[in-house]
Amino acid sequence: MQFIVKHPQFETSHMIFEAKCRTTAMGIMPHRDVDKALELALSLDIPFWPQLPNVSLYEDMYVQTSENFPGIAIDFEKGRLVFNTSRFEEELNDYFAKMDNPETYVLTTEYSMVFKRFLSRNLQGYKAIRGQITGPISFGFKVLDENFKPIIYNEEVKTILFDFIQKKVNVQYQELKTKNKNAFVWVDEPGLGYVFSGLSGYNDQQAKEDYYNFVQGLESPKGLHLCADVNLPYLLELGIEILSFDSFQIGFMPKEYTESVAEFIKKGGIISWGIVPTESSVLSVQTPEKLASTLSNYWEVISENTGLDSGQIAEQALIAPARCCLKDIATETTEECEISNVEEKIVEKVFTFLPEISQILKERYGLK
């Protein structure tokens, strides 16, 4: 079976991509050694360029996305982004003058030497390659203005932010596509969990409308990733074609989710099932066989409640870690350098689980 994505807004954009329980992973990694992180990423079926915030603040997912956004500055002393409304207004005219130039949205070497190192590799032999970028909702909640208010509440800023990140996705996709025709970019949106809070001031219905419009302008196959607690039916109604989520944390497949998942798959959608936990205490009691069975159980529940063949679910599935691992709960009181080493070992163990789980599932569902 082939998964074919065609975008009516961009008739020349398409991807032929067979998922078949192949492996991939989140972009964020704890490593301080760039070469080691790259080799791990390149060891998977669908490699990605790593984001390594322990190497440099410029490798932080939010900082990378901020490049050339008006009103933004990096506070290196506090290790965070700062936004100023007056500066934003002062810089708008300059931004408008260059907003149609693709160079405005290129991720430069200064903001990610790892991305450039990834692009320098021979990536043609892979079934697909992947990039990622922080999404507008997460960015909008994370970055605060001078009054400590998330910038997503400023309507003018929000409008420009959604357009800005949409263009960044498209430019990154075009760069990746020169290295492998089956490139795609997923949008990293941990902040989507906030829209269900009654205190957020930016509710799930507003977010759904904004996000659907945002997604329609993406040239890349429309991918979404989040590690937060999920409402699968909601996410699958955002107009996306690839969903990556932490499936380990749900524990079981709720029957009320099954119809939405089945409809998404019937339409050709791919789901990246984040099944390998990245907390050391949880991972220590798991095996590839147990995790493969957990995933199979999810798929059987979907099949039993919808009639969708579980083999089709496997055909359109990717296998991934549950989350990134920048901070392991079990080592919070340990020295920073030791924590980094522990987290690197956790990620490396997770990466050894992935091909084993993939192979078990391929054999179970007759995939080649």
Protein backbone atom coordinates (compact mmCIF):
# COMPACT_ATOMS: atom_id res chain seq x y z
CA MET A 1 0.00 0.00 0.00
CA GLN A 2 1.24 3.48 -0.80
CA PHE A 3 0.39 6.65 1.04
CA ILE A 4 -0.01 9.44 -1.50
CA VAL A 5 -0.42 13.03 -0.45
CA LYS A 6 -1.57 15.63 -2.95
CA HIS A 7 -2.17 19.25 -2.09
CA PRO A 8 -4.79 21.10 -4.13
CA GLN A 9 -3.14 24.44 -3.35
CA PHE A 10 0.23 23.18 -4.60
CA GLU A 11 -0.46 20.84 -7.49
CA THR A 12 3.21 19.96 -8.03
CA SER A 13 3.68 18.91 -4.39
CA HIS A 14 3.28 15.21 -3.65
CA MET A 15 4.88 12.41 -1.73
CA ILE A 16 4.76 8.66 -2.23
CA PHE A 17 5.64 7.23 1.15
CA GLU A 18 5.20 3.73 2.52
CA ALA A 19 5.11 3.81 6.34
CA LYS A 20 5.02 0.07 7.11
CA CYS A 21 6.11 0.34 10.76
CA ARG A 22 9.31 2.16 9.87
CA THR A 23 11.18 4.05 12.59
CA THR A 24 11.64 7.75 13.28
CA ALA A 25 11.98 9.94 16.38
CA MET A 26 11.51 13.42 17.88
CA GLY A 27 13.87 16.19 16.81
CA ILE A 28 15.04 17.22 20.29
CA MET A 29 17.93 15.20 21.71
CA PRO A 30 20.05 15.66 24.88
CA HIS A 31 23.42 15.05 23.22
CA ARG A 32 26.37 17.42 23.37
CA ASP A 33 28.26 15.59 20.63
CA VAL A 34 26.80 16.68 17.28
CA ASP A 35 28.30 13.80 15.30
CA LYS A 36 26.96 11.21 17.73
CA ALA A 37 23.47 12.71 17.61
CA LEU A 38 23.53 12.82 13.81
CA GLU A 39 24.65 9.19 13.56
CA LEU A 40 21.80 8.12 15.84
CA ALA A 41 19.26 10.11 13.81
CA LEU A 42 20.63 8.68 10.58
CA SER A 43 20.37 5.12 11.96
CA LEU A 44 16.57 5.22 11.77
CA ASP A 45 14.47 4.38 8.72
CA ILE A 46 13.30 7.97 8.44
CA PRO A 47 16.08 10.21 9.74
CA PHE A 48 15.70 13.79 10.92
CA TRP A 49 18.00 16.66 11.80
CA PRO A 50 18.54 16.79 15.59
CA GLN A 51 17.81 19.83 17.76
CA LEU A 52 20.51 19.95 20.46
CA PRO A 53 19.82 22.66 23.06
CA ASN A 54 22.63 21.32 25.26
CA VAL A 55 25.09 22.28 22.51
CA SER A 56 23.94 25.88 22.11
CA LEU A 57 20.97 28.10 22.88
CA TYR A 58 20.67 28.59 19.13
CA GLU A 59 19.79 24.89 18.86
CA ASP A 60 16.72 25.41 21.07
CA MET A 61 13.46 24.73 19.19
CA TYR A 62 11.91 28.11 20.09
CA VAL A 63 15.04 30.13 19.38
CA GLN A 64 15.45 28.48 15.98
CA THR A 65 11.88 29.36 15.03
CA SER A 66 12.32 32.98 16.15
CA GLU A 67 14.95 33.87 13.54
CA ASN A 68 13.82 37.07 11.70
CA PHE A 69 10.49 37.38 13.54
CA PRO A 70 9.85 41.08 14.30
CA GLY A 71 10.03 42.23 17.93
CA ILE A 72 12.04 39.21 19.13
CA ALA A 73 15.43 39.19 20.85
CA ILE A 74 17.44 36.44 22.57
CA ASP A 75 18.29 36.98 26.23
CA PHE A 76 21.45 34.87 26.45
CA GLU A 77 21.93 35.59 30.15
CA LYS A 78 18.54 34.14 31.07
CA GLY A 79 18.49 31.66 28.21
CA ARG A 80 15.18 32.69 26.74
CA LEU A 81 13.42 34.76 24.10
CA VAL A 82 12.04 38.21 24.87
CA PHE A 83 9.40 40.07 22.90
CA ASN A 84 8.74 43.81 22.95
CA THR A 85 5.58 45.24 21.40
CA SER A 86 7.15 48.60 20.55
CA ARG A 87 10.07 46.91 18.85
CA PHE A 88 7.61 44.71 16.97
CA GLU A 89 5.81 47.77 15.61
CA GLU A 90 9.09 49.46 14.70
CA GLU A 91 10.33 46.41 12.81
CA LEU A 92 7.10 45.63 10.96
CA ASN A 93 7.76 47.77 7.88
CA ASP A 94 11.17 46.19 7.41
CA TYR A 95 9.63 42.74 7.83
CA PHE A 96 6.86 43.49 5.32
CA ALA A 97 9.48 44.58 2.79
CA LYS A 98 11.18 41.19 2.91
CA MET A 99 8.29 38.84 3.78
CA ASP A 100 7.98 37.53 0.21
CA ASN A 101 11.67 36.66 0.02
CA PRO A 102 12.27 32.97 0.88
CA GLU A 103 15.67 33.88 2.39
CA THR A 104 13.76 35.52 5.27
CA TYR A 105 12.64 32.08 6.42
CA VAL A 106 15.81 30.04 5.90
CA LEU A 107 17.27 28.41 9.02
CA THR A 108 20.80 29.79 8.93
CA THR A 109 23.99 28.12 10.13
CA GLU A 110 24.09 30.51 13.09
CA TYR A 111 20.71 29.22 14.30
CA SER A 112 21.39 25.57 13.48
CA MET A 113 24.73 24.17 12.47
CA VAL A 114 23.16 20.72 12.93
CA PHE A 115 20.59 21.33 10.18
CA LYS A 116 23.35 22.27 7.75
CA ARG A 117 25.39 19.21 8.78
CA PHE A 118 22.34 17.04 8.12
CA LEU A 119 21.84 18.55 4.67
CA SER A 120 25.49 17.89 3.84
CA ARG A 121 24.90 14.12 4.11
CA ASN A 122 23.82 11.82 1.29
CA LEU A 123 20.15 11.30 2.13
CA GLN A 124 18.88 9.84 -1.14
CA GLY A 125 18.92 6.22 0.02
CA TYR A 126 16.24 6.66 2.71
CA LYS A 127 12.52 6.02 2.10
CA ALA A 128 11.89 9.53 3.46
CA ILE A 129 13.56 12.23 5.56
CA ARG A 130 12.01 14.62 8.04
CA GLY A 131 12.38 18.08 9.47
CA GLN A 132 10.51 19.86 12.24
CA ILE A 133 9.66 23.32 13.48
CA THR A 134 7.93 24.74 16.55
CA GLY A 135 4.28 25.47 15.79
CA PRO A 136 2.58 28.85 16.11
CA ILE A 137 0.39 27.92 19.08
CA SER A 138 3.29 26.60 21.17
CA PHE A 139 5.48 29.54 20.17
CA GLY A 140 2.67 31.99 20.88
CA PHE A 141 2.10 30.63 24.39
CA LYS A 142 5.81 30.28 25.21
CA VAL A 143 7.01 33.76 24.21
CA LEU A 144 5.89 36.56 26.53
CA ASP A 145 5.69 40.29 25.88
CA GLU A 146 6.98 43.04 28.16
CA ASN A 147 3.90 42.57 30.40
CA PHE A 148 4.53 38.82 30.68
CA LYS A 149 1.53 38.10 28.48
CA PRO A 150 1.78 35.35 25.83
CA ILE A 151 2.04 36.92 22.39
CA ILE A 152 -0.72 34.67 21.06
CA TYR A 153 -3.20 37.03 22.74
CA ASN A 154 -2.08 39.93 20.56
CA GLU A 155 -4.23 39.56 17.43
CA GLU A 156 -1.84 41.39 15.11
CA VAL A 157 1.16 39.42 16.34
CA LYS A 158 -0.77 36.14 16.14
CA THR A 159 -1.80 36.75 12.52
CA ILE A 160 1.78 37.42 11.46
CA LEU A 161 3.09 34.53 13.56
CA PHE A 162 0.88 31.93 11.85
CA ASP A 163 1.89 33.22 8.40
CA PHE A 164 5.57 33.44 9.40
CA ILE A 165 5.80 29.85 10.63
CA GLN A 166 3.82 28.58 7.66
CA LYS A 167 6.42 30.12 5.36
CA LYS A 168 9.24 28.68 7.49
CA VAL A 169 7.78 25.18 7.12
CA ASN A 170 7.56 25.58 3.36
CA VAL A 171 11.12 26.86 2.98
CA GLN A 172 12.53 24.06 5.15
CA TYR A 173 10.54 21.52 3.15
CA GLN A 174 11.94 22.83 -0.13
CA GLU A 175 15.48 22.54 1.26
CA LEU A 176 14.93 19.00 2.49
CA LYS A 177 13.28 17.97 -0.77
CA THR A 178 16.51 18.69 -2.66
CA LYS A 179 18.09 15.89 -0.60
CA ASN A 180 15.23 13.37 -0.79
CA LYS A 181 12.03 13.66 -2.81
CA ASN A 182 10.03 12.11 0.03
CA ALA A 183 10.86 14.82 2.55
CA PHE A 184 8.32 16.14 5.02
CA VAL A 185 8.23 18.52 7.97
CA TRP A 186 6.10 18.10 11.03
CA VAL A 187 5.04 20.98 13.24
CA ASP A 188 5.92 20.48 16.90
CA GLU A 189 2.96 21.63 19.01
CA PRO A 190 3.18 20.72 22.71
CA GLY A 191 1.24 23.93 23.42
CA LEU A 192 -1.92 22.55 21.82
CA GLY A 193 -2.73 21.03 25.20
CA TYR A 194 -3.21 24.53 26.63
CA VAL A 195 -6.22 25.34 24.44
CA PHE A 196 -8.40 22.99 26.49
CA SER A 197 -7.74 24.92 29.69
CA GLY A 198 -10.56 27.23 30.75
CA LEU A 199 -7.87 29.68 31.86
CA SER A 200 -6.02 29.90 28.55
CA GLY A 201 -8.10 32.67 26.94
CA TYR A 202 -7.50 31.01 23.57
CA ASN A 203 -9.90 28.11 23.37
CA ASP A 204 -9.96 24.89 21.39
CA GLN A 205 -12.51 26.12 18.82
CA GLN A 206 -10.51 29.27 18.03
CA ALA A 207 -7.36 27.18 17.80
CA LYS A 208 -9.02 24.62 15.50
CA GLU A 209 -10.11 27.29 13.02
CA ASP A 210 -6.73 29.05 13.07
CA TYR A 211 -4.86 25.76 12.76
CA TYR A 212 -6.93 24.38 9.93
CA ASN A 213 -6.26 27.52 7.90
CA PHE A 214 -2.58 27.37 8.80
CA VAL A 215 -2.28 23.74 7.72
CA GLN A 216 -3.94 24.36 4.34
CA GLY A 217 -1.06 26.63 3.35
CA LEU A 218 1.64 24.03 3.97
CA GLU A 219 3.46 22.69 0.91
CA SER A 220 4.99 19.86 2.90
CA PRO A 221 2.79 16.86 3.68
CA LYS A 222 0.82 18.20 6.61
CA GLY A 223 2.43 16.79 9.74
CA LEU A 224 1.76 17.49 13.42
CA HIS A 225 3.66 16.27 16.47
CA LEU A 226 2.97 16.69 20.16
CA CYS A 227 4.08 14.98 23.34
CA ALA A 228 1.33 16.44 25.52
CA ASP A 229 -1.82 14.59 26.62
CA VAL A 230 -3.91 14.16 23.51
CA ASN A 231 -7.48 14.35 22.31
CA LEU A 232 -7.09 12.24 19.18
CA PRO A 233 -10.41 13.12 17.49
CA TYR A 234 -9.64 16.83 17.88
CA LEU A 235 -6.14 16.51 16.43
CA LEU A 236 -7.33 14.42 13.49
CA GLU A 237 -9.82 17.15 12.54
CA LEU A 238 -7.12 19.79 12.02
CA GLY A 239 -6.60 18.99 8.34
CA ILE A 240 -3.35 17.09 8.89
CA GLU A 241 -2.07 14.02 7.01
CA ILE A 242 0.60 12.80 9.43
CA LEU A 243 0.16 12.72 13.22
CA SER A 244 2.93 11.94 15.71
CA PHE A 245 1.92 11.57 19.36
CA ASP A 246 2.81 9.93 22.67
CA SER A 247 0.75 6.76 22.44
CA PHE A 248 2.45 5.10 25.41
CA GLN A 249 0.90 7.52 27.91
CA ILE A 250 -2.70 6.77 26.92
CA GLY A 251 -2.29 3.21 28.27
CA PHE A 252 -5.23 1.87 26.25
CA MET A 253 -7.16 2.88 23.14
CA PRO A 254 -10.45 4.55 24.19
CA LYS A 255 -13.38 3.24 22.14
CA GLU A 256 -14.57 6.80 21.55
CA TYR A 257 -11.33 7.51 19.66
CA THR A 258 -11.51 4.54 17.33
CA GLU A 259 -13.83 5.95 14.66
CA SER A 260 -11.76 9.11 14.21
CA VAL A 261 -8.55 7.09 13.93
CA ALA A 262 -10.10 4.69 11.43
CA GLU A 263 -11.45 7.49 9.24
CA PHE A 264 -8.06 9.22 9.26
CA ILE A 265 -6.32 6.01 8.15
CA LYS A 266 -8.96 5.25 5.50
CA LYS A 267 -8.24 8.64 3.96
CA GLY A 268 -4.55 7.72 3.68
CA GLY A 269 -3.26 9.32 6.87
CA ILE A 270 -0.12 8.14 8.66
CA ILE A 271 0.19 7.91 12.43
CA SER A 272 3.57 7.89 14.15
CA TRP A 273 2.94 5.93 17.35
CA GLY A 274 5.26 7.14 20.13
CA ILE A 275 5.40 3.88 22.01
CA VAL A 276 8.85 3.68 23.68
CA PRO A 277 8.91 5.56 27.03
CA THR A 278 11.86 7.87 27.68
CA GLU A 279 11.73 7.97 31.50
CA SER A 280 14.42 5.65 32.84
CA SER A 281 12.25 4.13 35.60
CA VAL A 282 9.47 3.31 33.12
CA LEU A 283 11.75 2.15 30.33
CA SER A 284 13.60 -0.24 32.67
CA VAL A 285 10.53 -2.49 33.02
CA GLN A 286 9.70 -2.57 29.31
CA THR A 287 10.89 -4.79 26.49
CA PRO A 288 10.43 -4.46 22.72
CA GLU A 289 8.05 -7.44 22.83
CA LYS A 290 5.84 -5.86 25.53
CA LEU A 291 5.70 -2.52 23.71
CA ALA A 292 4.89 -4.17 20.38
CA SER A 293 2.04 -6.02 22.10
CA THR A 294 0.76 -2.79 23.64
CA LEU A 295 0.64 -1.21 20.21
CA SER A 296 -1.01 -4.27 18.67
CA ASN A 297 -3.66 -4.12 21.38
CA TYR A 298 -4.44 -0.50 20.44
CA TRP A 299 -4.79 -1.50 16.81
CA GLU A 300 -7.01 -4.48 17.61
CA VAL A 301 -9.38 -2.23 19.60
CA ILE A 302 -9.62 0.10 16.60
CA SER A 303 -10.24 -2.85 14.29
CA GLU A 304 -12.86 -4.47 16.52
CA ASN A 305 -14.83 -1.24 16.88
CA THR A 306 -14.65 0.01 13.30
CA GLY A 307 -14.06 -2.98 11.03
CA LEU A 308 -10.80 -1.47 9.76
CA ASP A 309 -8.26 -4.23 9.20
CA SER A 310 -5.44 -4.01 11.74
CA GLY A 311 -3.00 -4.77 8.93
CA GLN A 312 -3.96 -1.50 7.26
CA ILE A 313 -3.26 0.35 10.51
CA ALA A 314 0.20 -1.24 10.56
CA GLU A 315 0.75 -0.35 6.89
CA GLN A 316 0.20 3.31 7.73
CA ALA A 317 2.09 3.35 11.02
CA LEU A 318 5.49 4.69 12.04
CA ILE A 319 7.21 3.61 15.27
CA ALA A 320 8.84 6.26 17.50
CA PRO A 321 9.84 7.14 21.06
CA ALA A 322 7.01 8.41 23.25
CA ARG A 323 8.75 11.74 23.90
CA CYS A 324 12.08 13.50 23.66
CA CYS A 325 14.34 13.14 26.71
CA LEU A 326 15.95 16.38 27.85
CA LYS A 327 15.18 15.87 31.52
CA ASP A 328 14.82 12.49 33.15
CA ILE A 329 12.63 12.67 36.25
CA ALA A 330 14.66 10.00 38.04
CA THR A 331 17.83 12.13 37.90
CA GLU A 332 16.51 15.58 38.82
CA THR A 333 18.82 15.92 41.82
CA THR A 334 21.91 14.78 39.93
CA GLU A 335 24.62 17.12 38.65
CA GLU A 336 23.86 18.65 35.25
CA CYS A 337 26.70 16.93 33.38
CA GLU A 338 25.76 13.55 34.86
CA ILE A 339 22.11 14.14 33.94
CA SER A 340 23.11 14.78 30.34
CA ASN A 341 25.06 11.53 30.22
CA VAL A 342 22.15 9.58 31.72
CA GLU A 343 19.68 11.10 29.28
CA GLU A 344 21.94 10.32 26.32
CA LYS A 345 22.09 6.69 27.41
CA ILE A 346 18.30 6.59 27.76
CA VAL A 347 17.84 7.93 24.23
CA GLU A 348 20.38 5.45 22.89
CA LYS A 349 18.56 2.57 24.60
CA VAL A 350 15.25 3.81 23.18
CA PHE A 351 16.80 3.88 19.70
CA THR A 352 17.84 0.22 20.09
CA PHE A 353 14.23 -0.69 20.95
CA LEU A 354 12.78 0.95 17.85
CA PRO A 355 14.09 -1.43 15.14
CA GLU A 356 13.25 -4.44 17.30
CA ILE A 357 9.65 -3.29 17.75
CA SER A 358 9.46 -2.48 14.06
CA GLN A 359 10.63 -5.96 13.10
CA ILE A 360 8.21 -7.68 15.48
CA LEU A 361 5.28 -5.74 14.03
CA LYS A 362 6.38 -6.24 10.43
CA GLU A 363 6.45 -10.00 10.98
CA ARG A 364 3.15 -9.96 12.86
CA TYR A 365 1.34 -8.07 10.09
CA GLY A 366 3.18 -9.49 7.09
CA LEU A 367 4.91 -6.27 6.06
CA LYS A 368 8.01 -6.18 3.87
